[in-house]
Amino acid sequence: MKRCMLLAMSLVGVLAWHFEKDLRGEETGIIESKIGDRQVKLMLTGSAVRTRSIFKIYAVDSYVELGHNVRTGEDMVALDCPKQLHLAMLRNVAGPDMAEAFTAILRSNHPEPAFEEEVKTVANILRGQTAHKGDEIWFTHIPKVGFQCRASGGMVHLVRNVDFSKAVWENYFGKHNVGDNVKRALLARLPKAD
């Protein structure tokens, strides 16, 4: 009986999350976002839930500017166009845990000393705060500028390095990533490669 109640509560939570997305007008998969100095229309490429063991950590949506021929994870990484990853926290995560996870996956694609200063900057930002259930975090690739991180509460950080920003996208779409199931789901709405 207890298991059934937990399952029902989980289902209600998932439905509420999808209903909330519909209320924000995202059922079409098209959103508008200010990236750099312009307003951009972005299309949803897919959605996933990041888990560790049996725990759901966050939901993530991937967006890329409309009009780009994107078909693969490699395309998502390589394009120097407006793109975003939207994370919605499903549980509390301590800053040191976020910093460690971010650094570990990035280093699996780019061993030291690559991006030494950039990794240190982002890891220090993450280490200094806790992400709470319900918090939202936006990772934004700003063309010809670099990587921007914006979190609930208005905190914004910019790392001016386009190649580093692409390396962050490799955390989700690269050879070594947060999980192949997450990568597949984040590409699920794209046209299939021939």
N, C-alpha and C. Protein backbone atom coordinates (compact mmCIF):
# COMPACT_ATOMS: atom_id res chain seq x y z
N MET A 1 0.83 -1.19 0.00
CA MET A 1 0.00 0.00 0.00
C MET A 1 0.88 1.27 0.00
N LYS A 2 1.91 1.24 0.86
CA LYS A 2 2.82 2.39 0.93
C LYS A 2 3.51 2.62 -0.41
N ARG A 3 3.94 1.54 -1.08
CA ARG A 3 4.59 1.64 -2.38
C ARG A 3 3.65 2.25 -3.41
N CYS A 4 2.37 1.84 -3.40
CA CYS A 4 1.38 2.38 -4.33
C CYS A 4 1.18 3.88 -4.11
N MET A 5 1.15 4.30 -2.83
CA MET A 5 0.99 5.72 -2.54
C MET A 5 2.19 6.52 -3.03
N LEU A 6 3.41 5.98 -2.84
CA LEU A 6 4.61 6.67 -3.33
C LEU A 6 4.60 6.78 -4.85
N LEU A 7 4.18 5.71 -5.52
CA LEU A 7 4.10 5.72 -6.98
C LEU A 7 3.09 6.76 -7.44
N ALA A 8 1.93 6.81 -6.79
CA ALA A 8 0.90 7.78 -7.15
C ALA A 8 1.40 9.21 -6.95
N MET A 9 2.11 9.45 -5.84
CA MET A 9 2.64 10.79 -5.57
C MET A 9 3.68 11.17 -6.62
N SER A 10 4.52 10.22 -7.03
CA SER A 10 5.52 10.50 -8.06
C SER A 10 4.85 10.86 -9.38
N LEU A 11 3.79 10.11 -9.72
CA LEU A 11 3.06 10.35 -10.97
C LEU A 11 2.43 11.74 -10.94
N VAL A 12 1.82 12.11 -9.82
CA VAL A 12 1.22 13.44 -9.69
C VAL A 12 2.29 14.52 -9.87
N GLY A 13 3.47 14.31 -9.28
CA GLY A 13 4.56 15.27 -9.42
C GLY A 13 4.99 15.44 -10.87
N VAL A 14 5.12 14.33 -11.60
CA VAL A 14 5.51 14.39 -13.02
C VAL A 14 4.44 15.10 -13.83
N LEU A 15 3.17 14.76 -13.60
CA LEU A 15 2.08 15.40 -14.33
C LEU A 15 2.03 16.90 -14.04
N ALA A 16 2.24 17.27 -12.77
CA ALA A 16 2.23 18.69 -12.41
C ALA A 16 3.35 19.42 -13.12
N TRP A 17 4.53 18.78 -13.21
CA TRP A 17 5.67 19.41 -13.90
C TRP A 17 5.34 19.63 -15.37
N HIS A 18 4.74 18.62 -16.03
CA HIS A 18 4.38 18.78 -17.44
C HIS A 18 3.27 19.81 -17.62
N PHE A 19 2.31 19.86 -16.68
CA PHE A 19 1.24 20.85 -16.76
C PHE A 19 1.81 22.25 -16.63
N GLU A 20 2.79 22.41 -15.71
CA GLU A 20 3.43 23.70 -15.54
C GLU A 20 4.12 24.12 -16.84
N LYS A 21 4.78 23.18 -17.50
CA LYS A 21 5.45 23.49 -18.77
C LYS A 21 4.42 23.97 -19.78
N ASP A 22 3.25 23.29 -19.83
CA ASP A 22 2.21 23.69 -20.77
C ASP A 22 1.72 25.10 -20.46
N LEU A 23 1.60 25.45 -19.16
CA LEU A 23 1.15 26.78 -18.78
C LEU A 23 2.13 27.85 -19.24
N ARG A 24 3.41 27.52 -19.33
CA ARG A 24 4.41 28.49 -19.78
C ARG A 24 4.47 28.56 -21.30
N GLY A 25 3.62 27.81 -21.99
CA GLY A 25 3.59 27.88 -23.44
C GLY A 25 4.63 27.03 -24.12
N GLU A 26 5.20 26.06 -23.42
CA GLU A 26 6.27 25.27 -24.01
C GLU A 26 5.77 24.00 -24.70
N GLU A 27 4.44 23.80 -24.73
CA GLU A 27 3.95 22.58 -25.37
C GLU A 27 4.33 22.53 -26.85
N THR A 28 4.56 23.69 -27.45
CA THR A 28 4.95 23.73 -28.85
C THR A 28 6.43 23.41 -29.02
N GLY A 29 7.16 23.48 -27.93
CA GLY A 29 8.60 23.25 -28.01
C GLY A 29 9.36 24.50 -28.43
N ILE A 30 8.68 25.65 -28.52
CA ILE A 30 9.33 26.90 -28.91
C ILE A 30 9.24 27.88 -27.74
N ILE A 31 10.37 28.45 -27.36
CA ILE A 31 10.39 29.49 -26.34
C ILE A 31 11.17 30.69 -26.87
N GLU A 32 11.03 31.83 -26.20
CA GLU A 32 11.84 33.00 -26.51
C GLU A 32 12.73 33.29 -25.31
N SER A 33 13.95 33.68 -25.59
CA SER A 33 14.89 33.96 -24.52
C SER A 33 15.85 35.05 -24.96
N LYS A 34 16.25 35.92 -24.03
CA LYS A 34 17.24 36.93 -24.35
C LYS A 34 18.62 36.31 -24.18
N ILE A 35 19.36 36.26 -25.26
CA ILE A 35 20.71 35.68 -25.24
C ILE A 35 21.66 36.73 -25.80
N GLY A 36 22.60 37.14 -24.98
CA GLY A 36 23.46 38.25 -25.37
C GLY A 36 22.61 39.50 -25.42
N ASP A 37 22.64 40.19 -26.56
CA ASP A 37 21.87 41.44 -26.67
C ASP A 37 20.65 41.30 -27.57
N ARG A 38 20.20 40.06 -27.83
CA ARG A 38 19.02 39.91 -28.68
C ARG A 38 18.04 38.87 -28.17
N GLN A 39 16.79 39.04 -28.54
CA GLN A 39 15.72 38.10 -28.22
C GLN A 39 15.75 37.00 -29.28
N VAL A 40 15.78 35.74 -28.84
CA VAL A 40 15.97 34.62 -29.75
C VAL A 40 14.85 33.59 -29.58
N LYS A 41 14.38 33.04 -30.69
CA LYS A 41 13.43 31.92 -30.63
C LYS A 41 14.23 30.62 -30.63
N LEU A 42 13.93 29.78 -29.64
CA LEU A 42 14.64 28.51 -29.47
C LEU A 42 13.66 27.36 -29.56
N MET A 43 14.12 26.24 -30.14
CA MET A 43 13.28 25.05 -30.20
C MET A 43 13.80 24.00 -29.23
N LEU A 44 12.86 23.28 -28.63
CA LEU A 44 13.19 22.21 -27.71
C LEU A 44 13.74 21.03 -28.49
N THR A 45 14.92 20.54 -28.12
CA THR A 45 15.50 19.36 -28.79
C THR A 45 15.20 18.08 -28.02
N GLY A 46 14.85 18.22 -26.73
CA GLY A 46 14.52 17.06 -25.92
C GLY A 46 14.54 17.38 -24.44
N SER A 47 14.01 16.44 -23.66
CA SER A 47 13.93 16.58 -22.20
C SER A 47 14.37 15.27 -21.56
N ALA A 48 14.97 15.38 -20.38
CA ALA A 48 15.45 14.18 -19.68
C ALA A 48 15.43 14.41 -18.18
N VAL A 49 15.63 13.35 -17.44
CA VAL A 49 15.80 13.43 -15.99
C VAL A 49 17.15 12.82 -15.66
N ARG A 50 17.98 13.58 -14.96
CA ARG A 50 19.31 13.11 -14.53
C ARG A 50 19.16 12.38 -13.21
N THR A 51 19.64 11.16 -13.15
CA THR A 51 19.56 10.37 -11.92
C THR A 51 20.95 9.94 -11.47
N ARG A 52 21.07 9.67 -10.18
CA ARG A 52 22.27 9.03 -9.61
C ARG A 52 21.75 7.92 -8.74
N SER A 53 22.19 6.69 -9.01
CA SER A 53 21.62 5.51 -8.36
C SER A 53 20.13 5.50 -8.65
N ILE A 54 19.32 5.53 -7.60
CA ILE A 54 17.87 5.52 -7.80
C ILE A 54 17.26 6.91 -7.60
N PHE A 55 18.09 7.92 -7.35
CA PHE A 55 17.59 9.25 -7.01
C PHE A 55 17.52 10.16 -8.24
N LYS A 56 16.39 10.82 -8.40
CA LYS A 56 16.23 11.82 -9.46
C LYS A 56 16.84 13.13 -8.95
N ILE A 57 17.80 13.66 -9.72
CA ILE A 57 18.52 14.86 -9.29
C ILE A 57 17.90 16.11 -9.90
N TYR A 58 17.74 16.13 -11.22
CA TYR A 58 17.12 17.27 -11.88
C TYR A 58 16.54 16.87 -13.22
N ALA A 59 15.55 17.66 -13.65
CA ALA A 59 15.02 17.54 -15.00
C ALA A 59 15.78 18.54 -15.86
N VAL A 60 16.01 18.19 -17.12
CA VAL A 60 16.76 19.09 -18.00
C VAL A 60 16.10 19.14 -19.38
N ASP A 61 15.95 20.35 -19.90
CA ASP A 61 15.46 20.58 -21.26
C ASP A 61 16.60 21.20 -22.05
N SER A 62 16.71 20.83 -23.32
CA SER A 62 17.73 21.37 -24.21
C SER A 62 17.06 22.17 -25.32
N TYR A 63 17.60 23.37 -25.57
CA TYR A 63 17.05 24.25 -26.62
C TYR A 63 18.19 24.72 -27.52
N VAL A 64 17.84 24.94 -28.80
CA VAL A 64 18.78 25.51 -29.76
C VAL A 64 18.02 26.50 -30.64
N GLU A 65 18.69 27.52 -31.13
CA GLU A 65 18.04 28.54 -31.95
C GLU A 65 17.37 27.91 -33.16
N LEU A 66 16.15 28.36 -33.44
CA LEU A 66 15.41 27.89 -34.62
C LEU A 66 16.21 28.18 -35.89
N GLY A 67 16.10 27.28 -36.85
CA GLY A 67 16.71 27.52 -38.15
C GLY A 67 18.06 26.87 -38.36
N HIS A 68 18.59 26.20 -37.34
CA HIS A 68 19.88 25.53 -37.49
C HIS A 68 19.67 24.05 -37.78
N ASN A 69 20.49 23.51 -38.65
CA ASN A 69 20.38 22.10 -39.02
C ASN A 69 21.12 21.25 -37.98
N VAL A 70 20.39 20.88 -36.94
CA VAL A 70 20.97 20.10 -35.84
C VAL A 70 20.38 18.70 -35.89
N ARG A 71 21.25 17.69 -35.93
CA ARG A 71 20.77 16.31 -35.98
C ARG A 71 21.45 15.39 -34.98
N THR A 72 22.61 15.78 -34.48
CA THR A 72 23.39 14.89 -33.62
C THR A 72 23.91 15.63 -32.39
N GLY A 73 24.42 14.87 -31.45
CA GLY A 73 25.06 15.46 -30.29
C GLY A 73 26.27 16.29 -30.69
N GLU A 74 27.00 15.82 -31.69
CA GLU A 74 28.17 16.55 -32.16
C GLU A 74 27.75 17.92 -32.70
N ASP A 75 26.61 17.97 -33.41
CA ASP A 75 26.10 19.26 -33.89
C ASP A 75 25.78 20.18 -32.72
N MET A 76 25.16 19.62 -31.67
CA MET A 76 24.79 20.44 -30.51
C MET A 76 26.02 21.05 -29.85
N VAL A 77 27.09 20.30 -29.80
CA VAL A 77 28.33 20.80 -29.18
C VAL A 77 28.99 21.84 -30.09
N ALA A 78 29.10 21.55 -31.38
CA ALA A 78 29.91 22.36 -32.30
C ALA A 78 29.29 23.71 -32.65
N LEU A 79 27.97 23.79 -32.70
CA LEU A 79 27.33 25.02 -33.16
C LEU A 79 27.63 26.20 -32.23
N ASP A 80 28.11 27.28 -32.82
CA ASP A 80 28.30 28.52 -32.07
C ASP A 80 27.09 29.41 -32.33
N CYS A 81 25.94 28.95 -31.83
CA CYS A 81 24.69 29.69 -31.98
C CYS A 81 24.00 29.72 -30.61
N PRO A 82 22.97 30.54 -30.44
CA PRO A 82 22.28 30.56 -29.15
C PRO A 82 21.71 29.18 -28.82
N LYS A 83 22.01 28.72 -27.61
CA LYS A 83 21.46 27.46 -27.13
C LYS A 83 21.43 27.50 -25.61
N GLN A 84 20.52 26.72 -25.04
CA GLN A 84 20.36 26.71 -23.60
C GLN A 84 20.06 25.32 -23.08
N LEU A 85 20.47 25.10 -21.84
CA LEU A 85 20.07 23.93 -21.06
C LEU A 85 19.35 24.46 -19.83
N HIS A 86 18.14 23.99 -19.61
CA HIS A 86 17.33 24.44 -18.48
C HIS A 86 17.22 23.30 -17.49
N LEU A 87 17.78 23.49 -16.29
CA LEU A 87 17.74 22.47 -15.25
C LEU A 87 16.72 22.87 -14.19
N ALA A 88 15.87 21.93 -13.80
CA ALA A 88 14.91 22.13 -12.70
C ALA A 88 15.23 21.09 -11.64
N MET A 89 15.66 21.56 -10.48
CA MET A 89 16.12 20.65 -9.42
C MET A 89 14.96 19.86 -8.84
N LEU A 90 15.16 18.55 -8.70
CA LEU A 90 14.15 17.65 -8.14
C LEU A 90 14.48 17.25 -6.71
N ARG A 91 15.65 17.69 -6.22
CA ARG A 91 16.05 17.44 -4.84
C ARG A 91 17.14 18.45 -4.47
N ASN A 92 17.42 18.57 -3.20
CA ASN A 92 18.50 19.45 -2.75
C ASN A 92 19.84 18.80 -3.08
N VAL A 93 20.78 19.61 -3.56
CA VAL A 93 22.14 19.13 -3.83
C VAL A 93 23.14 20.14 -3.27
N ALA A 94 24.02 19.68 -2.42
CA ALA A 94 25.02 20.54 -1.80
C ALA A 94 26.02 21.04 -2.83
N GLY A 95 26.51 22.25 -2.61
CA GLY A 95 27.45 22.87 -3.54
C GLY A 95 28.68 22.04 -3.84
N PRO A 96 29.36 21.48 -2.81
CA PRO A 96 30.54 20.67 -3.11
C PRO A 96 30.22 19.46 -4.00
N ASP A 97 29.03 18.88 -3.83
CA ASP A 97 28.64 17.74 -4.68
C ASP A 97 28.44 18.18 -6.13
N MET A 98 27.82 19.37 -6.32
CA MET A 98 27.63 19.89 -7.68
C MET A 98 28.98 20.17 -8.33
N ALA A 99 29.88 20.80 -7.57
CA ALA A 99 31.21 21.14 -8.11
C ALA A 99 31.96 19.88 -8.50
N GLU A 100 31.90 18.86 -7.66
CA GLU A 100 32.62 17.62 -7.94
C GLU A 100 32.05 16.92 -9.18
N ALA A 101 30.73 16.85 -9.29
CA ALA A 101 30.10 16.19 -10.45
C ALA A 101 30.41 16.93 -11.74
N PHE A 102 30.31 18.27 -11.71
CA PHE A 102 30.60 19.09 -12.89
C PHE A 102 32.04 18.88 -13.34
N THR A 103 32.96 18.97 -12.40
CA THR A 103 34.38 18.84 -12.74
C THR A 103 34.71 17.45 -13.26
N ALA A 104 34.16 16.41 -12.63
CA ALA A 104 34.47 15.03 -13.04
C ALA A 104 34.04 14.76 -14.47
N ILE A 105 32.82 15.17 -14.85
CA ILE A 105 32.35 14.87 -16.20
C ILE A 105 33.09 15.72 -17.23
N LEU A 106 33.38 16.99 -16.90
CA LEU A 106 34.11 17.83 -17.86
C LEU A 106 35.53 17.30 -18.05
N ARG A 107 36.16 16.86 -16.96
CA ARG A 107 37.52 16.34 -17.05
C ARG A 107 37.58 15.01 -17.80
N SER A 108 36.48 14.27 -17.87
CA SER A 108 36.49 13.01 -18.63
C SER A 108 36.61 13.28 -20.13
N ASN A 109 36.20 14.47 -20.57
CA ASN A 109 36.35 14.87 -21.98
C ASN A 109 37.57 15.76 -22.20
N HIS A 110 37.96 16.50 -21.18
CA HIS A 110 39.06 17.47 -21.30
C HIS A 110 39.96 17.38 -20.07
N PRO A 111 40.94 16.46 -20.08
CA PRO A 111 41.84 16.31 -18.91
C PRO A 111 42.61 17.60 -18.64
N GLU A 112 43.08 17.72 -17.40
CA GLU A 112 43.91 18.87 -17.04
C GLU A 112 45.13 18.90 -17.93
N PRO A 113 45.63 20.06 -18.27
CA PRO A 113 45.30 21.39 -17.74
C PRO A 113 44.27 22.15 -18.59
N ALA A 114 43.57 21.50 -19.52
CA ALA A 114 42.61 22.20 -20.37
C ALA A 114 41.58 22.94 -19.52
N PHE A 115 41.29 24.17 -19.90
CA PHE A 115 40.27 25.00 -19.24
C PHE A 115 40.50 25.12 -17.73
N GLU A 116 41.74 25.17 -17.33
CA GLU A 116 42.06 25.16 -15.89
C GLU A 116 41.37 26.29 -15.13
N GLU A 117 41.49 27.52 -15.63
CA GLU A 117 40.89 28.67 -14.94
C GLU A 117 39.37 28.63 -15.00
N GLU A 118 38.83 28.24 -16.15
CA GLU A 118 37.38 28.20 -16.31
C GLU A 118 36.73 27.17 -15.39
N VAL A 119 37.34 25.98 -15.32
CA VAL A 119 36.80 24.92 -14.45
C VAL A 119 36.88 25.37 -13.00
N LYS A 120 37.99 25.98 -12.62
CA LYS A 120 38.16 26.46 -11.25
C LYS A 120 37.09 27.50 -10.92
N THR A 121 36.83 28.42 -11.85
CA THR A 121 35.82 29.46 -11.64
C THR A 121 34.44 28.86 -11.41
N VAL A 122 34.01 27.97 -12.31
CA VAL A 122 32.67 27.39 -12.20
C VAL A 122 32.58 26.50 -10.95
N ALA A 123 33.60 25.70 -10.69
CA ALA A 123 33.59 24.83 -9.51
C ALA A 123 33.48 25.65 -8.23
N ASN A 124 34.18 26.80 -8.15
CA ASN A 124 34.09 27.66 -6.96
C ASN A 124 32.70 28.27 -6.80
N ILE A 125 32.09 28.64 -7.92
CA ILE A 125 30.72 29.18 -7.88
C ILE A 125 29.77 28.10 -7.35
N LEU A 126 29.87 26.90 -7.90
CA LEU A 126 28.98 25.81 -7.49
C LEU A 126 29.23 25.42 -6.03
N ARG A 127 30.49 25.36 -5.64
CA ARG A 127 30.85 24.94 -4.29
C ARG A 127 30.26 25.86 -3.23
N GLY A 128 30.06 27.12 -3.59
CA GLY A 128 29.61 28.11 -2.63
C GLY A 128 28.12 28.17 -2.39
N GLN A 129 27.35 27.29 -3.00
CA GLN A 129 25.90 27.35 -2.80
C GLN A 129 25.25 25.98 -2.90
N THR A 130 24.05 25.89 -2.35
CA THR A 130 23.25 24.66 -2.42
C THR A 130 22.11 24.88 -3.38
N ALA A 131 21.87 23.92 -4.26
CA ALA A 131 20.69 23.97 -5.13
C ALA A 131 19.56 23.28 -4.39
N HIS A 132 18.43 23.97 -4.26
CA HIS A 132 17.29 23.43 -3.54
C HIS A 132 16.24 22.89 -4.50
N LYS A 133 15.49 21.91 -4.05
CA LYS A 133 14.40 21.36 -4.84
C LYS A 133 13.52 22.51 -5.31
N GLY A 134 13.23 22.53 -6.61
CA GLY A 134 12.42 23.61 -7.19
C GLY A 134 13.24 24.72 -7.82
N ASP A 135 14.53 24.83 -7.48
CA ASP A 135 15.38 25.84 -8.11
C ASP A 135 15.53 25.55 -9.59
N GLU A 136 15.71 26.61 -10.36
CA GLU A 136 15.96 26.48 -11.80
C GLU A 136 17.32 27.07 -12.12
N ILE A 137 18.01 26.44 -13.04
CA ILE A 137 19.33 26.89 -13.47
C ILE A 137 19.34 26.88 -15.00
N TRP A 138 19.78 27.98 -15.59
CA TRP A 138 19.90 28.07 -17.04
C TRP A 138 21.37 28.13 -17.41
N PHE A 139 21.82 27.19 -18.25
CA PHE A 139 23.14 27.28 -18.88
C PHE A 139 22.88 27.84 -20.28
N THR A 140 23.60 28.89 -20.63
CA THR A 140 23.39 29.54 -21.93
C THR A 140 24.71 29.64 -22.67
N HIS A 141 24.69 29.26 -23.95
CA HIS A 141 25.84 29.47 -24.83
C HIS A 141 25.57 30.76 -25.59
N ILE A 142 26.42 31.76 -25.38
CA ILE A 142 26.28 33.04 -26.08
C ILE A 142 27.31 33.05 -27.21
N PRO A 143 26.87 33.08 -28.47
CA PRO A 143 27.80 33.02 -29.60
C PRO A 143 28.89 34.07 -29.52
N LYS A 144 30.09 33.64 -29.84
CA LYS A 144 31.28 34.50 -29.88
C LYS A 144 31.61 35.13 -28.53
N VAL A 145 30.94 34.68 -27.45
CA VAL A 145 31.20 35.22 -26.11
C VAL A 145 31.61 34.10 -25.16
N GLY A 146 30.70 33.14 -24.92
CA GLY A 146 31.05 32.07 -24.00
C GLY A 146 29.86 31.50 -23.26
N PHE A 147 30.11 31.10 -22.02
CA PHE A 147 29.16 30.35 -21.20
C PHE A 147 28.59 31.23 -20.10
N GLN A 148 27.26 31.23 -19.98
CA GLN A 148 26.60 31.96 -18.91
C GLN A 148 25.77 31.00 -18.08
N CYS A 149 25.82 31.16 -16.76
CA CYS A 149 25.02 30.37 -15.83
C CYS A 149 24.13 31.33 -15.05
N ARG A 150 22.82 31.09 -15.10
CA ARG A 150 21.86 31.91 -14.36
C ARG A 150 21.02 30.99 -13.49
N ALA A 151 20.87 31.32 -12.22
CA ALA A 151 20.13 30.47 -11.30
C ALA A 151 18.97 31.24 -10.69
N SER A 152 18.04 30.48 -10.08
CA SER A 152 16.93 31.10 -9.35
C SER A 152 17.49 32.13 -8.38
N GLY A 153 16.80 33.25 -8.27
CA GLY A 153 17.27 34.30 -7.38
C GLY A 153 18.08 35.36 -8.09
N GLY A 154 18.32 35.17 -9.38
CA GLY A 154 18.97 36.21 -10.17
C GLY A 154 20.47 36.14 -10.30
N MET A 155 21.12 35.14 -9.67
CA MET A 155 22.58 35.02 -9.79
C MET A 155 22.96 34.72 -11.24
N VAL A 156 23.87 35.52 -11.81
CA VAL A 156 24.33 35.32 -13.19
C VAL A 156 25.86 35.35 -13.19
N HIS A 157 26.45 34.35 -13.85
CA HIS A 157 27.91 34.31 -14.01
C HIS A 157 28.23 34.08 -15.47
N LEU A 158 29.24 34.77 -15.97
CA LEU A 158 29.65 34.66 -17.37
C LEU A 158 31.12 34.25 -17.44
N VAL A 159 31.40 33.21 -18.23
CA VAL A 159 32.77 32.78 -18.48
C VAL A 159 33.04 33.05 -19.96
N ARG A 160 33.92 33.99 -20.26
CA ARG A 160 34.16 34.40 -21.65
C ARG A 160 35.13 33.46 -22.33
N ASN A 161 34.59 32.36 -22.84
CA ASN A 161 35.39 31.40 -23.59
C ASN A 161 34.42 30.47 -24.32
N VAL A 162 34.31 30.66 -25.63
CA VAL A 162 33.38 29.87 -26.45
C VAL A 162 33.73 28.39 -26.40
N ASP A 163 35.01 28.06 -26.45
CA ASP A 163 35.41 26.66 -26.42
C ASP A 163 35.05 25.99 -25.09
N PHE A 164 35.17 26.74 -24.00
CA PHE A 164 34.76 26.19 -22.70
C PHE A 164 33.24 25.94 -22.69
N SER A 165 32.48 26.87 -23.24
CA SER A 165 31.04 26.69 -23.31
C SER A 165 30.69 25.41 -24.08
N LYS A 166 31.38 25.19 -25.18
CA LYS A 166 31.16 23.95 -25.95
C LYS A 166 31.53 22.73 -25.11
N ALA A 167 32.57 22.86 -24.30
CA ALA A 167 32.96 21.74 -23.42
C ALA A 167 31.86 21.43 -22.41
N VAL A 168 31.17 22.46 -21.92
CA VAL A 168 30.05 22.23 -21.00
C VAL A 168 28.95 21.46 -21.72
N TRP A 169 28.70 21.79 -22.99
CA TRP A 169 27.67 21.05 -23.76
C TRP A 169 28.09 19.59 -23.97
N GLU A 170 29.41 19.35 -24.01
CA GLU A 170 29.87 17.96 -24.10
C GLU A 170 29.49 17.16 -22.87
N ASN A 171 29.29 17.82 -21.73
CA ASN A 171 28.84 17.10 -20.53
C ASN A 171 27.53 16.37 -20.79
N TYR A 172 26.75 16.88 -21.73
CA TYR A 172 25.45 16.29 -22.07
C TYR A 172 25.44 15.58 -23.42
N PHE A 173 26.24 16.07 -24.37
CA PHE A 173 26.18 15.56 -25.74
C PHE A 173 27.48 14.95 -26.24
N GLY A 174 28.52 14.93 -25.44
CA GLY A 174 29.82 14.43 -25.88
C GLY A 174 29.96 12.93 -25.71
N LYS A 175 31.15 12.45 -26.01
CA LYS A 175 31.45 11.02 -25.89
C LYS A 175 31.28 10.56 -24.45
N HIS A 176 31.85 11.31 -23.52
CA HIS A 176 31.67 11.05 -22.10
C HIS A 176 30.64 12.08 -21.61
N ASN A 177 29.53 11.62 -21.06
CA ASN A 177 28.44 12.53 -20.71
C ASN A 177 27.77 12.07 -19.42
N VAL A 178 26.76 12.79 -19.00
CA VAL A 178 26.08 12.47 -17.74
C VAL A 178 25.27 11.18 -17.82
N GLY A 179 25.13 10.62 -19.01
CA GLY A 179 24.41 9.36 -19.19
C GLY A 179 23.87 9.26 -20.61
N ASP A 180 24.09 8.13 -21.26
CA ASP A 180 23.62 7.99 -22.64
C ASP A 180 22.10 8.09 -22.74
N ASN A 181 21.39 7.66 -21.69
CA ASN A 181 19.93 7.79 -21.71
C ASN A 181 19.52 9.27 -21.70
N VAL A 182 20.27 10.09 -20.95
CA VAL A 182 20.01 11.53 -20.92
C VAL A 182 20.32 12.13 -22.29
N LYS A 183 21.46 11.77 -22.86
CA LYS A 183 21.85 12.28 -24.17
C LYS A 183 20.80 11.95 -25.22
N ARG A 184 20.35 10.70 -25.26
CA ARG A 184 19.33 10.31 -26.25
C ARG A 184 18.05 11.10 -26.06
N ALA A 185 17.62 11.26 -24.82
CA ALA A 185 16.37 11.99 -24.56
C ALA A 185 16.50 13.46 -24.94
N LEU A 186 17.67 14.06 -24.74
CA LEU A 186 17.86 15.47 -25.08
C LEU A 186 17.94 15.70 -26.59
N LEU A 187 18.10 14.63 -27.36
CA LEU A 187 18.12 14.73 -28.82
C LEU A 187 16.85 14.18 -29.46
N ALA A 188 15.91 13.73 -28.64
CA ALA A 188 14.75 12.96 -29.14
C ALA A 188 13.84 13.72 -30.08
N ARG A 189 13.79 15.03 -29.98
CA ARG A 189 12.88 15.82 -30.84
C ARG A 189 13.55 16.30 -32.13
N LEU A 190 14.81 15.99 -32.32
CA LEU A 190 15.51 16.40 -33.53
C LEU A 190 15.19 15.45 -34.69
N PRO A 191 15.26 15.95 -35.94
CA PRO A 191 15.14 15.05 -37.09
C PRO A 191 16.26 14.02 -37.04
N LYS A 192 15.98 12.82 -37.42
CA LYS A 192 16.99 11.76 -37.39
C LYS A 192 18.01 11.98 -38.50
N ALA A 193 19.29 11.69 -38.17
CA ALA A 193 20.35 11.78 -39.17
C ALA A 193 20.15 10.69 -40.21
N ASP A 194 20.47 11.02 -41.48
CA ASP A 194 20.33 10.05 -42.58
C ASP A 194 21.35 8.95 -42.49
